[in-house]
Amino acid sequence: MALNLEQKKTIVAEVSDVASSALSAVAAEYRGLTVEEMTALRREARNNGVYLRVVKNSLARRAVEDTEFACMQEGMTGPLILAFSQEDPGAAARVIKDFAKEHKLLEVRMVSIGGKMLAPNEIDVLAKLPTYDQAISMLMALMKAPVEKLARTMNEVPGKLVRTVAAIKDAKEAA
């Protein structure tokens, strides 16, 4: 179905808006996937806060032109599906990586974060980034560790004194 100029402008504006607020992006070739598989991929993306869209490459190039994903313009050839992480930098990479494990026809072509292109095989680096909640949990554990160690150390002093007095008492009773 051919798109008229207004429809093209709408698509470019929508994708550009999403790309300008996205944290990371993944482009994958979806050639050979069935409609049911694409629907399952879209459902998984929606559940994980990932914007997923199949866009004509010429429109996609225009959409990412003034965003940090402009580095992806050269590689936009062939049938690509664009995934933008909205809430968590690794969300799009996790969704695409997990789906590609089960469906070998989905091939990662480009990965971008922070205005830099990563090699397609480096999707694991992005997918392993902690979520916001995991990062906060790790930070809190890091902040809590010195306080816990201090409390254990201070609690050890009276405990050692009690054990020493008990040992002296046992030694005197045995004598």
C-alpha atoms as a PDB file:
ATOM      1  CA  MET A   1       0.000   0.000   0.000  1.00  0.00           C
ATOM      2  CA  ALA A   2       1.471   3.331  -1.059  1.00  0.00           C
ATOM      3  CA  LEU A   3       1.667   6.080   1.533  1.00  0.00           C
ATOM      4  CA  ASN A   4       0.833   9.669   0.743  1.00  0.00           C
ATOM      5  CA  LEU A   5       3.040  12.542   1.884  1.00  0.00           C
ATOM      6  CA  GLU A   6       1.006  13.292   5.035  1.00  0.00           C
ATOM      7  CA  GLN A   7       1.144   9.663   6.164  1.00  0.00           C
ATOM      8  CA  LYS A   8       4.905   9.614   5.606  1.00  0.00           C
ATOM      9  CA  LYS A   9       5.330  12.822   7.615  1.00  0.00           C
ATOM     10  CA  THR A  10       3.261  11.342  10.439  1.00  0.00           C
ATOM     11  CA  ILE A  11       5.367   8.172  10.530  1.00  0.00           C
ATOM     12  CA  VAL A  12       8.630  10.133  10.476  1.00  0.00           C
ATOM     13  CA  ALA A  13       7.398  12.436  13.260  1.00  0.00           C
ATOM     14  CA  GLU A  14       6.274   9.494  15.415  1.00  0.00           C
ATOM     15  CA  VAL A  15       9.500   7.521  15.029  1.00  0.00           C
ATOM     16  CA  SER A  16      11.597  10.678  15.483  1.00  0.00           C
ATOM     17  CA  ASP A  17       9.735  11.514  18.699  1.00  0.00           C
ATOM     18  CA  VAL A  18      10.309   8.013  20.058  1.00  0.00           C
ATOM     19  CA  ALA A  19      13.969   7.993  18.966  1.00  0.00           C
ATOM     20  CA  SER A  20      14.670  11.348  20.600  1.00  0.00           C
ATOM     21  CA  SER A  21      13.537  10.055  23.985  1.00  0.00           C
ATOM     22  CA  ALA A  22      14.838   6.474  23.634  1.00  0.00           C
ATOM     23  CA  LEU A  23      17.791   5.177  25.623  1.00  0.00           C
ATOM     24  CA  SER A  24      19.010   2.573  23.122  1.00  0.00           C
ATOM     25  CA  ALA A  25      18.049   1.080  19.773  1.00  0.00           C
ATOM     26  CA  VAL A  26      18.360  -2.259  18.031  1.00  0.00           C
ATOM     27  CA  ALA A  27      17.696  -2.945  14.350  1.00  0.00           C
ATOM     28  CA  ALA A  28      17.123  -6.519  13.243  1.00  0.00           C
ATOM     29  CA  GLU A  29      16.356  -8.188   9.949  1.00  0.00           C
ATOM     30  CA  TYR A  30      13.082 -10.065  10.182  1.00  0.00           C
ATOM     31  CA  ARG A  31      13.003 -11.709   6.727  1.00  0.00           C
ATOM     32  CA  GLY A  32      11.243 -15.072   6.892  1.00  0.00           C
ATOM     33  CA  LEU A  33       9.312 -14.594  10.142  1.00  0.00           C
ATOM     34  CA  THR A  34       5.626 -15.428  10.069  1.00  0.00           C
ATOM     35  CA  VAL A  35       2.844 -13.058  11.090  1.00  0.00           C
ATOM     36  CA  GLU A  36       2.289 -15.050  14.287  1.00  0.00           C
ATOM     37  CA  GLU A  37       5.967 -14.780  15.202  1.00  0.00           C
ATOM     38  CA  MET A  38       5.992 -11.026  14.532  1.00  0.00           C
ATOM     39  CA  THR A  39       2.858 -10.648  16.670  1.00  0.00           C
ATOM     40  CA  ALA A  40       4.539 -12.564  19.492  1.00  0.00           C
ATOM     41  CA  LEU A  41       7.616 -10.312  19.182  1.00  0.00           C
ATOM     42  CA  ARG A  42       5.457  -7.182  19.308  1.00  0.00           C
ATOM     43  CA  ARG A  43       3.590  -8.484  22.356  1.00  0.00           C
ATOM     44  CA  GLU A  44       6.851  -9.228  24.160  1.00  0.00           C
ATOM     45  CA  ALA A  45       8.197  -5.782  23.272  1.00  0.00           C
ATOM     46  CA  ARG A  46       5.050  -4.049  24.510  1.00  0.00           C
ATOM     47  CA  ASN A  47       5.247  -5.930  27.818  1.00  0.00           C
ATOM     48  CA  ASN A  48       8.845  -4.766  28.321  1.00  0.00           C
ATOM     49  CA  GLY A  49       8.435  -1.080  27.459  1.00  0.00           C
ATOM     50  CA  VAL A  50      10.019  -1.350  24.019  1.00  0.00           C
ATOM     51  CA  TYR A  51       8.744   0.580  20.989  1.00  0.00           C
ATOM     52  CA  LEU A  52       8.870  -1.773  17.999  1.00  0.00           C
ATOM     53  CA  ARG A  53       8.173  -0.613  14.460  1.00  0.00           C
ATOM     54  CA  VAL A  54       8.726  -1.725  10.876  1.00  0.00           C
ATOM     55  CA  VAL A  55       9.384   1.418   8.854  1.00  0.00           C
ATOM     56  CA  LYS A  56      10.577   1.988   5.309  1.00  0.00           C
ATOM     57  CA  ASN A  57      14.311   2.588   5.441  1.00  0.00           C
ATOM     58  CA  SER A  58      14.113   6.002   3.765  1.00  0.00           C
ATOM     59  CA  LEU A  59      11.591   7.160   6.384  1.00  0.00           C
ATOM     60  CA  ALA A  60      13.611   5.611   9.216  1.00  0.00           C
ATOM     61  CA  ARG A  61      16.748   7.437   8.060  1.00  0.00           C
ATOM     62  CA  ARG A  62      14.882  10.741   8.202  1.00  0.00           C
ATOM     63  CA  ALA A  63      13.361   9.917  11.564  1.00  0.00           C
ATOM     64  CA  VAL A  64      16.691   9.261  13.291  1.00  0.00           C
ATOM     65  CA  GLU A  65      18.496  12.095  11.497  1.00  0.00           C
ATOM     66  CA  ASP A  66      18.682  14.557  14.415  1.00  0.00           C
ATOM     67  CA  THR A  67      18.811  12.028  17.245  1.00  0.00           C
ATOM     68  CA  GLU A  68      21.655  10.150  18.881  1.00  0.00           C
ATOM     69  CA  PHE A  69      20.793   7.210  16.625  1.00  0.00           C
ATOM     70  CA  ALA A  70      21.891   9.018  13.466  1.00  0.00           C
ATOM     71  CA  CYS A  71      24.872   6.646  13.437  1.00  0.00           C
ATOM     72  CA  MET A  72      22.455   3.900  12.326  1.00  0.00           C
ATOM     73  CA  GLN A  73      21.483   5.610   9.057  1.00  0.00           C
ATOM     74  CA  GLU A  74      24.114   3.937   6.882  1.00  0.00           C
ATOM     75  CA  GLY A  75      23.118   0.421   7.905  1.00  0.00           C
ATOM     76  CA  MET A  76      19.421   0.817   7.207  1.00  0.00           C
ATOM     77  CA  THR A  77      19.042  -1.508   4.258  1.00  0.00           C
ATOM     78  CA  GLY A  78      16.771  -4.462   3.740  1.00  0.00           C
ATOM     79  CA  PRO A  79      13.733  -5.393   5.812  1.00  0.00           C
ATOM     80  CA  LEU A  80      14.443  -4.058   9.294  1.00  0.00           C
ATOM     81  CA  ILE A  81      12.451  -3.852  12.477  1.00  0.00           C
ATOM     82  CA  LEU A  82      13.486  -1.041  14.817  1.00  0.00           C
ATOM     83  CA  ALA A  83      13.301  -1.512  18.578  1.00  0.00           C
ATOM     84  CA  PHE A  84      13.744   1.483  20.880  1.00  0.00           C
ATOM     85  CA  SER A  85      14.159   1.109  24.652  1.00  0.00           C
ATOM     86  CA  GLN A  86      11.946   3.644  26.372  1.00  0.00           C
ATOM     87  CA  GLU A  87      12.424   2.941  30.101  1.00  0.00           C
ATOM     88  CA  ASP A  88      15.443   0.663  30.474  1.00  0.00           C
ATOM     89  CA  PRO A  89      18.565   0.852  28.264  1.00  0.00           C
ATOM     90  CA  GLY A  90      18.841  -2.925  27.910  1.00  0.00           C
ATOM     91  CA  ALA A  91      15.173  -3.725  27.337  1.00  0.00           C
ATOM     92  CA  ALA A  92      15.210  -3.707  23.522  1.00  0.00           C
ATOM     93  CA  ALA A  93      18.397  -5.758  23.428  1.00  0.00           C
ATOM     94  CA  ARG A  94      16.955  -8.337  25.855  1.00  0.00           C
ATOM     95  CA  VAL A  95      13.696  -8.657  23.894  1.00  0.00           C
ATOM     96  CA  ILE A  96      15.421  -9.043  20.524  1.00  0.00           C
ATOM     97  CA  LYS A  97      18.147 -11.349  21.895  1.00  0.00           C
ATOM     98  CA  ASP A  98      15.672 -13.645  23.659  1.00  0.00           C
ATOM     99  CA  PHE A  99      13.397 -13.779  20.614  1.00  0.00           C
ATOM    100  CA  ALA A 100      16.354 -14.461  18.279  1.00  0.00           C
ATOM    101  CA  LYS A 101      17.353 -17.478  20.407  1.00  0.00           C
ATOM    102  CA  GLU A 102      14.088 -19.206  19.516  1.00  0.00           C
ATOM    103  CA  HIS A 103      13.732 -17.786  15.981  1.00  0.00           C
ATOM    104  CA  LYS A 104      16.966 -18.057  14.016  1.00  0.00           C
ATOM    105  CA  LEU A 105      15.533 -15.948  11.159  1.00  0.00           C
ATOM    106  CA  LEU A 106      15.622 -12.789  13.303  1.00  0.00           C
ATOM    107  CA  GLU A 107      19.138 -11.454  12.773  1.00  0.00           C
ATOM    108  CA  VAL A 108      20.505  -8.475  14.720  1.00  0.00           C
ATOM    109  CA  ARG A 109      22.042  -5.961  12.309  1.00  0.00           C
ATOM    110  CA  MET A 110      22.693  -2.832  14.405  1.00  0.00           C
ATOM    111  CA  VAL A 111      22.902  -1.917  18.080  1.00  0.00           C
ATOM    112  CA  SER A 112      23.236   1.659  19.318  1.00  0.00           C
ATOM    113  CA  ILE A 113      23.414   3.341  22.702  1.00  0.00           C
ATOM    114  CA  GLY A 114      24.526   6.828  23.645  1.00  0.00           C
ATOM    115  CA  GLY A 115      25.197   7.871  20.056  1.00  0.00           C
ATOM    116  CA  LYS A 116      27.613   4.998  19.467  1.00  0.00           C
ATOM    117  CA  MET A 117      27.212   1.947  17.282  1.00  0.00           C
ATOM    118  CA  LEU A 118      28.065  -1.410  18.749  1.00  0.00           C
ATOM    119  CA  ALA A 119      28.790  -4.508  16.710  1.00  0.00           C
ATOM    120  CA  PRO A 120      25.737  -6.765  16.317  1.00  0.00           C
ATOM    121  CA  ASN A 121      27.455  -9.485  18.355  1.00  0.00           C
ATOM    122  CA  GLU A 122      27.809  -7.012  21.259  1.00  0.00           C
ATOM    123  CA  ILE A 123      24.062  -7.119  21.910  1.00  0.00           C
ATOM    124  CA  ASP A 124      24.913  -9.179  25.011  1.00  0.00           C
ATOM    125  CA  VAL A 125      26.696  -6.165  26.522  1.00  0.00           C
ATOM    126  CA  LEU A 126      23.541  -4.093  26.221  1.00  0.00           C
ATOM    127  CA  ALA A 127      21.216  -6.938  27.211  1.00  0.00           C
ATOM    128  CA  LYS A 128      23.142  -7.556  30.430  1.00  0.00           C
ATOM    129  CA  LEU A 129      22.747  -3.978  31.660  1.00  0.00           C
ATOM    130  CA  PRO A 130      20.779  -3.982  34.918  1.00  0.00           C
ATOM    131  CA  THR A 131      17.273  -2.575  35.013  1.00  0.00           C
ATOM    132  CA  TYR A 132      16.601   0.534  37.079  1.00  0.00           C
ATOM    133  CA  ASP A 133      15.388  -1.520  40.055  1.00  0.00           C
ATOM    134  CA  GLN A 134      18.389  -3.859  39.847  1.00  0.00           C
ATOM    135  CA  ALA A 135      20.797  -0.907  39.701  1.00  0.00           C
ATOM    136  CA  ILE A 136      19.169   0.717  42.759  1.00  0.00           C
ATOM    137  CA  SER A 137      19.341  -2.607  44.601  1.00  0.00           C
ATOM    138  CA  MET A 138      23.046  -2.981  43.774  1.00  0.00           C
ATOM    139  CA  LEU A 139      23.740   0.594  44.888  1.00  0.00           C
ATOM    140  CA  MET A 140      21.902   0.110  48.184  1.00  0.00           C
ATOM    141  CA  ALA A 141      23.796  -3.123  48.873  1.00  0.00           C
ATOM    142  CA  LEU A 142      27.050  -1.303  48.193  1.00  0.00           C
ATOM    143  CA  MET A 143      26.115   1.543  50.533  1.00  0.00           C
ATOM    144  CA  LYS A 144      24.886  -0.803  53.247  1.00  0.00           C
ATOM    145  CA  ALA A 145      27.973  -3.075  53.313  1.00  0.00           C
ATOM    146  CA  PRO A 146      30.350  -0.770  55.276  1.00  0.00           C
ATOM    147  CA  VAL A 147      27.713  -0.051  57.919  1.00  0.00           C
ATOM    148  CA  GLU A 148      27.010  -3.769  58.361  1.00  0.00           C
ATOM    149  CA  LYS A 149      30.722  -4.539  58.654  1.00  0.00           C
ATOM    150  CA  LEU A 150      31.159  -1.806  61.283  1.00  0.00           C
ATOM    151  CA  ALA A 151      28.197  -3.130  63.283  1.00  0.00           C
ATOM    152  CA  ARG A 152      29.563  -6.705  63.166  1.00  0.00           C
ATOM    153  CA  THR A 153      33.016  -5.497  64.241  1.00  0.00           C
ATOM    154  CA  MET A 154      31.646  -3.469  67.145  1.00  0.00           C
ATOM    155  CA  ASN A 155      29.462  -6.396  68.223  1.00  0.00           C
ATOM    156  CA  GLU A 156      32.502  -8.686  68.177  1.00  0.00           C
ATOM    157  CA  VAL A 157      34.311  -6.777  70.984  1.00  0.00           C
ATOM    158  CA  PRO A 158      31.821  -7.618  73.771  1.00  0.00           C
ATOM    159  CA  GLY A 159      31.393 -11.126  72.340  1.00  0.00           C
ATOM    160  CA  LYS A 160      35.140 -11.737  72.522  1.00  0.00           C
ATOM    161  CA  LEU A 161      35.229 -10.411  76.103  1.00  0.00           C
ATOM    162  CA  VAL A 162      32.431 -12.789  77.136  1.00  0.00           C
ATOM    163  CA  ARG A 163      34.219 -15.759  75.507  1.00  0.00           C
ATOM    164  CA  THR A 164      37.495 -14.813  77.252  1.00  0.00           C
ATOM    165  CA  VAL A 165      35.811 -14.548  80.701  1.00  0.00           C
ATOM    166  CA  ALA A 166      34.042 -17.882  80.073  1.00  0.00           C
ATOM    167  CA  ALA A 167      37.379 -19.504  79.134  1.00  0.00           C
ATOM    168  CA  ILE A 168      39.048 -18.151  82.319  1.00  0.00           C
ATOM    169  CA  LYS A 169      36.085 -19.413  84.396  1.00  0.00           C
ATOM    170  CA  ASP A 170      36.325 -22.868  82.797  1.00  0.00           C
ATOM    171  CA  ALA A 171      40.105 -22.937  83.371  1.00  0.00           C
ATOM    172  CA  LYS A 172      39.701 -22.045  87.068  1.00  0.00           C
ATOM    173  CA  GLU A 173      36.936 -24.641  87.538  1.00  0.00           C
ATOM    174  CA  ALA A 174      39.068 -27.323  85.920  1.00  0.00           C
ATOM    175  CA  ALA A 175      42.018 -26.514  88.186  1.00  0.00           C
END
